[in-house]
Amino acid sequence: MELLKKVLSVLVCFVMLAVMLGVGASGGRDTADADAIGIGVIMGEAVRVRKAPSTSAEMVATLKGGQEVTVLAEENGFYQIILKIEGGETVEGYMKESLISMKEYFNKNH
């Protein structure tokens, strides 16, 4: 019986660790998304990230120039981007293409 309690304690610890690390989490993307276009560098001092590919769309974050972002897609003159920032929070949204300098393309067609 004592051994069973120890095994259950260890399992509970592993489950808690997995939850804290986000193992098996759904609904979010990883910054190393397999379908990503490539890696870009933000140009400018403070660049707005929008909820949709439009300058009138709601702003979700402001990012600093020089930060690297994963570019997921191109749409209407905007890049869809994702970036993990300090504290483990993930920012995902859209930025004008002219505000990102592509550093590396994952697909050779670009």
PDB file of N, CA and C in Angstrom:
ATOM      1  N   MET A   1       0.814  -1.188   0.000  1.00  0.00           N
ATOM      2  CA  MET A   1       0.000   0.000   0.000  1.00  0.00           C
ATOM      3  C   MET A   1       0.871   1.271   0.000  1.00  0.00           C
ATOM      4  N   GLU A   2       1.929   1.260   0.769  1.00  0.00           N
ATOM      5  CA  GLU A   2       2.853   2.404   0.826  1.00  0.00           C
ATOM      6  C   GLU A   2       3.494   2.661  -0.545  1.00  0.00           C
ATOM      7  N   LEU A   3       3.860   1.595  -1.242  1.00  0.00           N
ATOM      8  CA  LEU A   3       4.457   1.725  -2.570  1.00  0.00           C
ATOM      9  C   LEU A   3       3.464   2.365  -3.540  1.00  0.00           C
ATOM     10  N   LEU A   4       2.224   2.001  -3.475  1.00  0.00           N
ATOM     11  CA  LEU A   4       1.184   2.560  -4.331  1.00  0.00           C
ATOM     12  C   LEU A   4       1.047   4.062  -4.102  1.00  0.00           C
ATOM     13  N   LYS A   5       1.111   4.498  -2.851  1.00  0.00           N
ATOM     14  CA  LYS A   5       1.029   5.922  -2.530  1.00  0.00           C
ATOM     15  C   LYS A   5       2.207   6.685  -3.128  1.00  0.00           C
ATOM     16  N   LYS A   6       3.401   6.098  -3.057  1.00  0.00           N
ATOM     17  CA  LYS A   6       4.588   6.745  -3.615  1.00  0.00           C
ATOM     18  C   LYS A   6       4.487   6.851  -5.134  1.00  0.00           C
ATOM     19  N   VAL A   7       4.021   5.768  -5.765  1.00  0.00           N
ATOM     20  CA  VAL A   7       3.874   5.770  -7.230  1.00  0.00           C
ATOM     21  C   VAL A   7       2.855   6.828  -7.646  1.00  0.00           C
ATOM     22  N   LEU A   8       1.728   6.903  -6.956  1.00  0.00           N
ATOM     23  CA  LEU A   8       0.711   7.904  -7.266  1.00  0.00           C
ATOM     24  C   LEU A   8       1.243   9.323  -7.055  1.00  0.00           C
ATOM     25  N   SER A   9       2.036   9.524  -6.016  1.00  0.00           N
ATOM     26  CA  SER A   9       2.642  10.841  -5.767  1.00  0.00           C
ATOM     27  C   SER A   9       3.552  11.254  -6.913  1.00  0.00           C
ATOM     28  N   VAL A  10       4.355  10.313  -7.367  1.00  0.00           N
ATOM     29  CA  VAL A  10       5.267  10.598  -8.484  1.00  0.00           C
ATOM     30  C   VAL A  10       4.460  10.911  -9.745  1.00  0.00           C
ATOM     31  N   LEU A  11       3.410  10.147 -10.018  1.00  0.00           N
ATOM     32  CA  LEU A  11       2.577  10.399 -11.193  1.00  0.00           C
ATOM     33  C   LEU A  11       1.914  11.773 -11.128  1.00  0.00           C
ATOM     34  N   VAL A  12       1.420  12.135  -9.960  1.00  0.00           N
ATOM     35  CA  VAL A  12       0.806  13.445  -9.795  1.00  0.00           C
ATOM     36  C   VAL A  12       1.834  14.546 -10.076  1.00  0.00           C
ATOM     37  N   CYS A  13       3.050  14.363  -9.588  1.00  0.00           N
ATOM     38  CA  CYS A  13       4.116  15.349  -9.844  1.00  0.00           C
ATOM     39  C   CYS A  13       4.405  15.479 -11.333  1.00  0.00           C
ATOM     40  N   PHE A  14       4.471  14.356 -12.049  1.00  0.00           N
ATOM     41  CA  PHE A  14       4.718  14.394 -13.487  1.00  0.00           C
ATOM     42  C   PHE A  14       3.581  15.099 -14.224  1.00  0.00           C
ATOM     43  N   VAL A  15       2.360  14.832 -13.829  1.00  0.00           N
ATOM     44  CA  VAL A  15       1.215  15.485 -14.475  1.00  0.00           C
ATOM     45  C   VAL A  15       1.261  16.986 -14.232  1.00  0.00           C
ATOM     46  N   MET A  16       1.559  17.393 -13.015  1.00  0.00           N
ATOM     47  CA  MET A  16       1.643  18.821 -12.702  1.00  0.00           C
ATOM     48  C   MET A  16       2.757  19.484 -13.505  1.00  0.00           C
ATOM     49  N   LEU A  17       3.891  18.821 -13.623  1.00  0.00           N
ATOM     50  CA  LEU A  17       4.999  19.352 -14.399  1.00  0.00           C
ATOM     51  C   LEU A  17       4.612  19.479 -15.866  1.00  0.00           C
ATOM     52  N   ALA A  18       3.945  18.477 -16.401  1.00  0.00           N
ATOM     53  CA  ALA A  18       3.515  18.508 -17.797  1.00  0.00           C
ATOM     54  C   ALA A  18       2.558  19.669 -18.048  1.00  0.00           C
ATOM     55  N   VAL A  19       1.649  19.905 -17.125  1.00  0.00           N
ATOM     56  CA  VAL A  19       0.702  21.016 -17.260  1.00  0.00           C
ATOM     57  C   VAL A  19       1.451  22.345 -17.216  1.00  0.00           C
ATOM     58  N   MET A  20       2.389  22.488 -16.289  1.00  0.00           N
ATOM     59  CA  MET A  20       3.152  23.731 -16.184  1.00  0.00           C
ATOM     60  C   MET A  20       3.979  24.001 -17.427  1.00  0.00           C
ATOM     61  N   LEU A  21       4.493  22.961 -18.055  1.00  0.00           N
ATOM     62  CA  LEU A  21       5.311  23.121 -19.263  1.00  0.00           C
ATOM     63  C   LEU A  21       4.474  23.198 -20.526  1.00  0.00           C
ATOM     64  N   GLY A  22       3.192  22.978 -20.413  1.00  0.00           N
ATOM     65  CA  GLY A  22       2.320  23.086 -21.574  1.00  0.00           C
ATOM     66  C   GLY A  22       2.304  21.855 -22.450  1.00  0.00           C
ATOM     67  N   VAL A  23       2.754  20.726 -21.947  1.00  0.00           N
ATOM     68  CA  VAL A  23       2.756  19.504 -22.736  1.00  0.00           C
ATOM     69  C   VAL A  23       1.325  19.095 -22.991  1.00  0.00           C
ATOM     70  N   GLY A  24       1.012  18.864 -24.278  1.00  0.00           N
ATOM     71  CA  GLY A  24      -0.336  18.439 -24.639  1.00  0.00           C
ATOM     72  C   GLY A  24      -1.334  19.573 -24.696  1.00  0.00           C
ATOM     73  N   ALA A  25      -0.883  20.805 -24.537  1.00  0.00           N
ATOM     74  CA  ALA A  25      -1.818  21.923 -24.615  1.00  0.00           C
ATOM     75  C   ALA A  25      -2.306  22.099 -26.039  1.00  0.00           C
ATOM     76  N   SER A  26      -3.546  22.471 -26.182  1.00  0.00           N
ATOM     77  CA  SER A  26      -4.081  22.693 -27.517  1.00  0.00           C
ATOM     78  C   SER A  26      -4.550  24.122 -27.643  1.00  0.00           C
ATOM     79  N   GLY A  27      -4.789  24.549 -28.870  1.00  0.00           N
ATOM     80  CA  GLY A  27      -5.304  25.875 -29.108  1.00  0.00           C
ATOM     81  C   GLY A  27      -4.237  26.904 -29.393  1.00  0.00           C
ATOM     82  N   GLY A  28      -3.010  26.701 -28.968  1.00  0.00           N
ATOM     83  CA  GLY A  28      -1.948  27.647 -29.245  1.00  0.00           C
ATOM     84  C   GLY A  28      -0.973  27.086 -30.244  1.00  0.00           C
ATOM     85  N   ARG A  29      -0.188  27.967 -30.808  1.00  0.00           N
ATOM     86  CA  ARG A  29       0.825  27.523 -31.752  1.00  0.00           C
ATOM     87  C   ARG A  29       2.178  27.588 -31.102  1.00  0.00           C
ATOM     88  N   ASP A  30       3.079  26.844 -31.657  1.00  0.00           N
ATOM     89  CA  ASP A  30       4.466  26.899 -31.236  1.00  0.00           C
ATOM     90  C   ASP A  30       5.156  27.911 -32.141  1.00  0.00           C
ATOM     91  N   THR A  31       6.171  28.606 -31.624  1.00  0.00           N
ATOM     92  CA  THR A  31       6.877  29.583 -32.440  1.00  0.00           C
ATOM     93  C   THR A  31       7.690  28.915 -33.533  1.00  0.00           C
ATOM     94  N   ALA A  32       7.850  27.603 -33.480  1.00  0.00           N
ATOM     95  CA  ALA A  32       8.565  26.864 -34.527  1.00  0.00           C
ATOM     96  C   ALA A  32       7.553  26.096 -35.384  1.00  0.00           C
ATOM     97  N   ASP A  33       6.455  26.758 -35.733  1.00  0.00           N
ATOM     98  CA  ASP A  33       5.379  26.137 -36.504  1.00  0.00           C
ATOM     99  C   ASP A  33       5.929  25.543 -37.800  1.00  0.00           C
ATOM    100  N   ALA A  34       5.562  24.283 -38.071  1.00  0.00           N
ATOM    101  CA  ALA A  34       6.075  23.554 -39.232  1.00  0.00           C
ATOM    102  C   ALA A  34       5.667  24.199 -40.547  1.00  0.00           C
ATOM    103  N   ASP A  35       4.542  24.927 -40.583  1.00  0.00           N
ATOM    104  CA  ASP A  35       4.070  25.548 -41.814  1.00  0.00           C
ATOM    105  C   ASP A  35       4.560  26.982 -41.971  1.00  0.00           C
ATOM    106  N   ALA A  36       5.437  27.439 -41.108  1.00  0.00           N
ATOM    107  CA  ALA A  36       5.899  28.824 -41.137  1.00  0.00           C
ATOM    108  C   ALA A  36       6.669  29.122 -42.416  1.00  0.00           C
ATOM    109  N   ILE A  37       6.626  30.392 -42.820  1.00  0.00           N
ATOM    110  CA  ILE A  37       7.359  30.866 -43.997  1.00  0.00           C
ATOM    111  C   ILE A  37       8.832  31.027 -43.671  1.00  0.00           C
ATOM    112  N   GLY A  38       9.118  31.594 -42.495  1.00  0.00           N
ATOM    113  CA  GLY A  38      10.506  31.829 -42.128  1.00  0.00           C
ATOM    114  C   GLY A  38      10.627  32.681 -40.881  1.00  0.00           C
ATOM    115  N   ILE A  39      11.816  33.274 -40.721  1.00  0.00           N
ATOM    116  CA  ILE A  39      12.129  34.129 -39.576  1.00  0.00           C
ATOM    117  C   ILE A  39      12.375  35.540 -40.098  1.00  0.00           C
ATOM    118  N   GLY A  40      11.775  36.518 -39.423  1.00  0.00           N
ATOM    119  CA  GLY A  40      11.967  37.907 -39.803  1.00  0.00           C
ATOM    120  C   GLY A  40      12.408  38.728 -38.612  1.00  0.00           C
ATOM    121  N   VAL A  41      12.953  39.906 -38.902  1.00  0.00           N
ATOM    122  CA  VAL A  41      13.404  40.835 -37.864  1.00  0.00           C
ATOM    123  C   VAL A  41      12.533  42.093 -37.965  1.00  0.00           C
ATOM    124  N   ILE A  42      12.025  42.533 -36.833  1.00  0.00           N
ATOM    125  CA  ILE A  42      11.164  43.714 -36.794  1.00  0.00           C
ATOM    126  C   ILE A  42      11.998  44.960 -37.052  1.00  0.00           C
ATOM    127  N   MET A  43      11.514  45.800 -37.967  1.00  0.00           N
ATOM    128  CA  MET A  43      12.160  47.062 -38.304  1.00  0.00           C
ATOM    129  C   MET A  43      11.380  48.190 -37.615  1.00  0.00           C
ATOM    130  N   GLY A  44      12.069  49.186 -37.101  1.00  0.00           N
ATOM    131  CA  GLY A  44      11.400  50.294 -36.418  1.00  0.00           C
ATOM    132  C   GLY A  44      11.578  50.165 -34.917  1.00  0.00           C
ATOM    133  N   GLU A  45      11.175  51.207 -34.195  1.00  0.00           N
ATOM    134  CA  GLU A  45      11.369  51.220 -32.746  1.00  0.00           C
ATOM    135  C   GLU A  45      10.263  50.502 -31.987  1.00  0.00           C
ATOM    136  N   ALA A  46       9.016  50.810 -32.295  1.00  0.00           N
ATOM    137  CA  ALA A  46       7.868  50.205 -31.620  1.00  0.00           C
ATOM    138  C   ALA A  46       6.829  49.902 -32.697  1.00  0.00           C
ATOM    139  N   VAL A  47       6.602  48.635 -32.939  1.00  0.00           N
ATOM    140  CA  VAL A  47       5.739  48.218 -34.048  1.00  0.00           C
ATOM    141  C   VAL A  47       4.495  47.531 -33.496  1.00  0.00           C
ATOM    142  N   ARG A  48       3.346  47.933 -34.013  1.00  0.00           N
ATOM    143  CA  ARG A  48       2.062  47.383 -33.550  1.00  0.00           C
ATOM    144  C   ARG A  48       1.776  46.028 -34.191  1.00  0.00           C
ATOM    145  N   VAL A  49       1.284  45.121 -33.367  1.00  0.00           N
ATOM    146  CA  VAL A  49       0.800  43.825 -33.844  1.00  0.00           C
ATOM    147  C   VAL A  49      -0.718  43.903 -33.779  1.00  0.00           C
ATOM    148  N   ARG A  50      -1.359  43.562 -34.892  1.00  0.00           N
ATOM    149  CA  ARG A  50      -2.816  43.671 -34.998  1.00  0.00           C
ATOM    150  C   ARG A  50      -3.489  42.303 -34.961  1.00  0.00           C
ATOM    151  N   LYS A  51      -4.758  42.287 -34.579  1.00  0.00           N
ATOM    152  CA  LYS A  51      -5.542  41.064 -34.489  1.00  0.00           C
ATOM    153  C   LYS A  51      -5.889  40.507 -35.869  1.00  0.00           C
ATOM    154  N   ALA A  52      -5.966  41.374 -36.871  1.00  0.00           N
ATOM    155  CA  ALA A  52      -6.310  40.994 -38.240  1.00  0.00           C
ATOM    156  C   ALA A  52      -5.405  41.771 -39.196  1.00  0.00           C
ATOM    157  N   PRO A  53      -5.327  41.357 -40.465  1.00  0.00           N
ATOM    158  CA  PRO A  53      -4.448  42.030 -41.425  1.00  0.00           C
ATOM    159  C   PRO A  53      -5.025  43.353 -41.932  1.00  0.00           C
ATOM    160  N   SER A  54      -5.091  44.338 -41.041  1.00  0.00           N
ATOM    161  CA  SER A  54      -5.620  45.661 -41.365  1.00  0.00           C
ATOM    162  C   SER A  54      -5.081  46.662 -40.352  1.00  0.00           C
ATOM    163  N   THR A  55      -4.761  47.870 -40.815  1.00  0.00           N
ATOM    164  CA  THR A  55      -4.272  48.894 -39.888  1.00  0.00           C
ATOM    165  C   THR A  55      -5.374  49.397 -38.959  1.00  0.00           C
ATOM    166  N   SER A  56      -6.634  49.083 -39.284  1.00  0.00           N
ATOM    167  CA  SER A  56      -7.733  49.488 -38.403  1.00  0.00           C
ATOM    168  C   SER A  56      -8.131  48.373 -37.426  1.00  0.00           C
ATOM    169  N   ALA A  57      -7.486  47.209 -37.533  1.00  0.00           N
ATOM    170  CA  ALA A  57      -7.797  46.093 -36.632  1.00  0.00           C
ATOM    171  C   ALA A  57      -7.280  46.387 -35.230  1.00  0.00           C
ATOM    172  N   GLU A  58      -7.899  45.752 -34.260  1.00  0.00           N
ATOM    173  CA  GLU A  58      -7.497  45.901 -32.861  1.00  0.00           C
ATOM    174  C   GLU A  58      -6.026  45.554 -32.671  1.00  0.00           C
ATOM    175  N   MET A  59      -5.340  46.363 -31.847  1.00  0.00           N
ATOM    176  CA  MET A  59      -3.935  46.132 -31.551  1.00  0.00           C
ATOM    177  C   MET A  59      -3.824  45.108 -30.423  1.00  0.00           C
ATOM    178  N   VAL A  60      -2.954  44.091 -30.599  1.00  0.00           N
ATOM    179  CA  VAL A  60      -2.793  43.079 -29.546  1.00  0.00           C
ATOM    180  C   VAL A  60      -1.487  43.243 -28.779  1.00  0.00           C
ATOM    181  N   ALA A  61      -0.509  43.933 -29.380  1.00  0.00           N
ATOM    182  CA  ALA A  61       0.782  44.131 -28.707  1.00  0.00           C
ATOM    183  C   ALA A  61       1.599  45.161 -29.473  1.00  0.00           C
ATOM    184  N   THR A  62       2.635  45.656 -28.827  1.00  0.00           N
ATOM    185  CA  THR A  62       3.638  46.495 -29.464  1.00  0.00           C
ATOM    186  C   THR A  62       4.977  45.818 -29.232  1.00  0.00           C
ATOM    187  N   LEU A  63       5.712  45.575 -30.309  1.00  0.00           N
ATOM    188  CA  LEU A  63       7.009  44.897 -30.207  1.00  0.00           C
ATOM    189  C   LEU A  63       8.136  45.847 -30.564  1.00  0.00           C
ATOM    190  N   LYS A  64       9.310  45.583 -29.995  1.00  0.00           N
ATOM    191  CA  LYS A  64      10.499  46.400 -30.223  1.00  0.00           C
ATOM    192  C   LYS A  64      11.195  46.008 -31.518  1.00  0.00           C
ATOM    193  N   GLY A  65      11.816  46.981 -32.136  1.00  0.00           N
ATOM    194  CA  GLY A  65      12.630  46.720 -33.312  1.00  0.00           C
ATOM    195  C   GLY A  65      13.793  45.816 -32.954  1.00  0.00           C
ATOM    196  N   GLY A  66      14.203  44.980 -33.906  1.00  0.00           N
ATOM    197  CA  GLY A  66      15.323  44.078 -33.688  1.00  0.00           C
ATOM    198  C   GLY A  66      14.910  42.706 -33.196  1.00  0.00           C
ATOM    199  N   GLN A  67      13.666  42.559 -32.725  1.00  0.00           N
ATOM    200  CA  GLN A  67      13.208  41.251 -32.261  1.00  0.00           C
ATOM    201  C   GLN A  67      12.954  40.337 -33.456  1.00  0.00           C
ATOM    202  N   GLU A  68      13.269  39.062 -33.278  1.00  0.00           N
ATOM    203  CA  GLU A  68      13.002  38.072 -34.319  1.00  0.00           C
ATOM    204  C   GLU A  68      11.625  37.467 -34.093  1.00  0.00           C
ATOM    205  N   VAL A  69      10.887  37.305 -35.189  1.00  0.00           N
ATOM    206  CA  VAL A  69       9.556  36.711 -35.137  1.00  0.00           C
ATOM    207  C   VAL A  69       9.490  35.567 -36.137  1.00  0.00           C
ATOM    208  N   THR A  70       8.630  34.611 -35.868  1.00  0.00           N
ATOM    209  CA  THR A  70       8.346  33.553 -36.829  1.00  0.00           C
ATOM    210  C   THR A  70       7.210  34.050 -37.707  1.00  0.00           C
ATOM    211  N   VAL A  71       7.438  34.034 -39.018  1.00  0.00           N
ATOM    212  CA  VAL A  71       6.433  34.480 -39.974  1.00  0.00           C
ATOM    213  C   VAL A  71       5.649  33.253 -40.428  1.00  0.00           C
ATOM    214  N   LEU A  72       4.341  33.273 -40.151  1.00  0.00           N
ATOM    215  CA  LEU A  72       3.497  32.121 -40.439  1.00  0.00           C
ATOM    216  C   LEU A  72       2.861  32.175 -41.823  1.00  0.00           C
ATOM    217  N   ALA A  73       2.489  33.385 -42.276  1.00  0.00           N
ATOM    218  CA  ALA A  73       1.781  33.512 -43.554  1.00  0.00           C
ATOM    219  C   ALA A  73       1.851  34.953 -44.053  1.00  0.00           C
ATOM    220  N   GLU A  74       1.503  35.141 -45.329  1.00  0.00           N
ATOM    221  CA  GLU A  74       1.391  36.464 -45.939  1.00  0.00           C
ATOM    222  C   GLU A  74      -0.071  36.674 -46.318  1.00  0.00           C
ATOM    223  N   GLU A  75      -0.604  37.877 -46.036  1.00  0.00           N
ATOM    224  CA  GLU A  75      -1.996  38.149 -46.377  1.00  0.00           C
ATOM    225  C   GLU A  75      -2.223  39.646 -46.542  1.00  0.00           C
ATOM    226  N   ASN A  76      -2.619  40.065 -47.723  1.00  0.00           N
ATOM    227  CA  ASN A  76      -2.994  41.471 -47.996  1.00  0.00           C
ATOM    228  C   ASN A  76      -1.939  42.482 -47.557  1.00  0.00           C
ATOM    229  N   GLY A  77      -0.664  42.211 -47.824  1.00  0.00           N
ATOM    230  CA  GLY A  77       0.392  43.140 -47.439  1.00  0.00           C
ATOM    231  C   GLY A  77       0.812  43.049 -45.989  1.00  0.00           C
ATOM    232  N   PHE A  78       0.342  42.033 -45.288  1.00  0.00           N
ATOM    233  CA  PHE A  78       0.682  41.810 -43.888  1.00  0.00           C
ATOM    234  C   PHE A  78       1.310  40.435 -43.730  1.00  0.00           C
ATOM    235  N   TYR A  79       2.171  40.310 -42.718  1.00  0.00           N
ATOM    236  CA  TYR A  79       2.674  39.001 -42.306  1.00  0.00           C
ATOM    237  C   TYR A  79       1.925  38.596 -41.039  1.00  0.00           C
ATOM    238  N   GLN A  80       1.522  37.343 -40.981  1.00  0.00           N
ATOM    239  CA  GLN A  80       1.006  36.790 -39.732  1.00  0.00           C
ATOM    240  C   GLN A  80       2.229  36.296 -38.979  1.00  0.00           C
ATOM    241  N   ILE A  81       2.390  36.755 -37.740  1.00  0.00           N
ATOM    242  CA  ILE A  81       3.609  36.440 -36.982  1.00  0.00           C
ATOM    243  C   ILE A  81       3.264  35.818 -35.640  1.00  0.00           C
ATOM    244  N   ILE A  82       4.283  35.198 -35.059  1.00  0.00           N
ATOM    245  CA  ILE A  82       4.177  34.679 -33.698  1.00  0.00           C
ATOM    246  C   ILE A  82       5.527  34.857 -33.026  1.00  0.00           C
ATOM    247  N   LEU A  83       5.495  35.165 -31.738  1.00  0.00           N
ATOM    248  CA  LEU A  83       6.723  35.412 -30.975  1.00  0.00           C
ATOM    249  C   LEU A  83       6.477  35.068 -29.524  1.00  0.00           C
ATOM    250  N   LYS A  84       7.373  34.318 -28.931  1.00  0.00           N
ATOM    251  CA  LYS A  84       7.309  34.047 -27.493  1.00  0.00           C
ATOM    252  C   LYS A  84       8.119  35.151 -26.809  1.00  0.00           C
ATOM    253  N   ILE A  85       7.471  35.878 -25.897  1.00  0.00           N
ATOM    254  CA  ILE A  85       8.146  36.989 -25.221  1.00  0.00           C
ATOM    255  C   ILE A  85       8.493  36.606 -23.792  1.00  0.00           C
ATOM    256  N   GLU A  86       9.165  37.513 -23.108  1.00  0.00           N
ATOM    257  CA  GLU A  86       9.578  37.257 -21.725  1.00  0.00           C
ATOM    258  C   GLU A  86       8.385  36.821 -20.893  1.00  0.00           C
ATOM    259  N   GLY A  87       8.620  35.908 -19.982  1.00  0.00           N
ATOM    260  CA  GLY A  87       7.561  35.398 -19.133  1.00  0.00           C
ATOM    261  C   GLY A  87       6.805  34.244 -19.764  1.00  0.00           C
ATOM    262  N   GLY A  88       7.211  33.846 -20.979  1.00  0.00           N
ATOM    263  CA  GLY A  88       6.589  32.707 -21.630  1.00  0.00           C
ATOM    264  C   GLY A  88       5.311  33.020 -22.391  1.00  0.00           C
ATOM    265  N   GLU A  89       4.868  34.287 -22.367  1.00  0.00           N
ATOM    266  CA  GLU A  89       3.659  34.666 -23.094  1.00  0.00           C
ATOM    267  C   GLU A  89       3.930  34.645 -24.600  1.00  0.00           C
ATOM    268  N   THR A  90       2.926  34.268 -25.375  1.00  0.00           N
ATOM    269  CA  THR A  90       3.054  34.224 -26.822  1.00  0.00           C
ATOM    270  C   THR A  90       2.213  35.332 -27.441  1.00  0.00           C
ATOM    271  N   VAL A  91       2.834  36.083 -28.354  1.00  0.00           N
ATOM    272  CA  VAL A  91       2.133  37.120 -29.099  1.00  0.00           C
ATOM    273  C   VAL A  91       1.930  36.590 -30.512  1.00  0.00           C
ATOM    274  N   GLU A  92       0.688  36.631 -30.982  1.00  0.00           N
ATOM    275  CA  GLU A  92       0.386  36.217 -32.348  1.00  0.00           C
ATOM    276  C   GLU A  92      -0.529  37.247 -32.970  1.00  0.00           C
ATOM    277  N   GLY A  93      -0.231  37.637 -34.211  1.00  0.00           N
ATOM    278  CA  GLY A  93      -1.053  38.628 -34.887  1.00  0.00           C
ATOM    279  C   GLY A  93      -0.466  38.968 -36.239  1.00  0.00           C
ATOM    280  N   TYR A  94      -0.759  40.185 -36.696  1.00  0.00           N
ATOM    281  CA  TYR A  94      -0.363  40.624 -38.034  1.00  0.00           C
ATOM    282  C   TYR A  94       0.432  41.918 -37.966  1.00  0.00           C
ATOM    283  N   MET A  95       1.441  42.011 -38.846  1.00  0.00           N
ATOM    284  CA  MET A  95       2.246  43.218 -38.988  1.00  0.00           C
ATOM    285  C   MET A  95       2.407  43.502 -40.463  1.00  0.00           C
ATOM    286  N   LYS A  96       2.488  44.782 -40.827  1.00  0.00           N
ATOM    287  CA  LYS A  96       2.713  45.137 -42.229  1.00  0.00           C
ATOM    288  C   LYS A  96       4.036  44.526 -42.698  1.00  0.00           C
ATOM    289  N   GLU A  97       4.030  44.004 -43.922  1.00  0.00           N
ATOM    290  CA  GLU A  97       5.235  43.371 -44.478  1.00  0.00           C
ATOM    291  C   GLU A  97       6.428  44.316 -44.470  1.00  0.00           C
ATOM    292  N   SER A  98       6.188  45.606 -44.709  1.00  0.00           N
ATOM    293  CA  SER A  98       7.282  46.574 -44.780  1.00  0.00           C
ATOM    294  C   SER A  98       7.983  46.776 -43.438  1.00  0.00           C
ATOM    295  N   LEU A  99       7.389  46.280 -42.357  1.00  0.00           N
ATOM    296  CA  LEU A  99       7.973  46.438 -41.025  1.00  0.00           C
ATOM    297  C   LEU A  99       8.766  45.218 -40.579  1.00  0.00           C
ATOM    298  N   ILE A 100       8.892  44.234 -41.467  1.00  0.00           N
ATOM    299  CA  ILE A 100       9.648  43.021 -41.153  1.00  0.00           C
ATOM    300  C   ILE A 100      10.649  42.756 -42.266  1.00  0.00           C
ATOM    301  N   SER A 101      11.892  42.573 -41.888  1.00  0.00           N
ATOM    302  CA  SER A 101      12.941  42.186 -42.825  1.00  0.00           C
ATOM    303  C   SER A 101      13.143  40.679 -42.690  1.00  0.00           C
ATOM    304  N   MET A 102      12.878  39.950 -43.765  1.00  0.00           N
ATOM    305  CA  MET A 102      13.015  38.499 -43.707  1.00  0.00           C
ATOM    306  C   MET A 102      14.493  38.120 -43.612  1.00  0.00           C
ATOM    307  N   LYS A 103      14.808  37.337 -42.593  1.00  0.00           N
ATOM    308  CA  LYS A 103      16.171  36.898 -42.325  1.00  0.00           C
ATOM    309  C   LYS A 103      16.423  35.516 -42.921  1.00  0.00           C
ATOM    310  N   GLU A 104      15.403  34.657 -42.849  1.00  0.00           N
ATOM    311  CA  GLU A 104      15.546  33.277 -43.322  1.00  0.00           C
ATOM    312  C   GLU A 104      14.194  32.772 -43.805  1.00  0.00           C
ATOM    313  N   TYR A 105      14.197  32.157 -44.983  1.00  0.00           N
ATOM    314  CA  TYR A 105      12.985  31.520 -45.510  1.00  0.00           C
ATOM    315  C   TYR A 105      13.115  30.018 -45.325  1.00  0.00           C
ATOM    316  N   PHE A 106      12.029  29.397 -44.873  1.00  0.00           N
ATOM    317  CA  PHE A 106      12.032  27.943 -44.700  1.00  0.00           C
ATOM    318  C   PHE A 106      11.699  27.238 -46.009  1.00  0.00           C
ATOM    319  N   ASN A 107      10.922  27.892 -46.880  1.00  0.00           N
ATOM    320  CA  ASN A 107      10.528  27.327 -48.149  1.00  0.00           C
ATOM    321  C   ASN A 107      11.400  27.947 -49.238  1.00  0.00           C
ATOM    322  N   LYS A 108      11.999  27.159 -50.050  1.00  0.00           N
ATOM    323  CA  LYS A 108      12.921  27.637 -51.084  1.00  0.00           C
ATOM    324  C   LYS A 108      12.217  28.449 -52.177  1.00  0.00           C
ATOM    325  N   ASN A 109      10.875  28.453 -52.232  1.00  0.00           N
ATOM    326  CA  ASN A 109      10.139  29.163 -53.278  1.00  0.00           C
ATOM    327  C   ASN A 109      10.116  30.665 -53.070  1.00  0.00           C
ATOM    328  N   HIS A 110      10.584  31.181 -51.935  1.00  0.00           N
ATOM    329  CA  HIS A 110      10.553  32.629 -51.685  1.00  0.00           C
ATOM    330  C   HIS A 110      11.808  33.287 -52.155  1.00  0.00           C
TER     331      HIS A 110
END
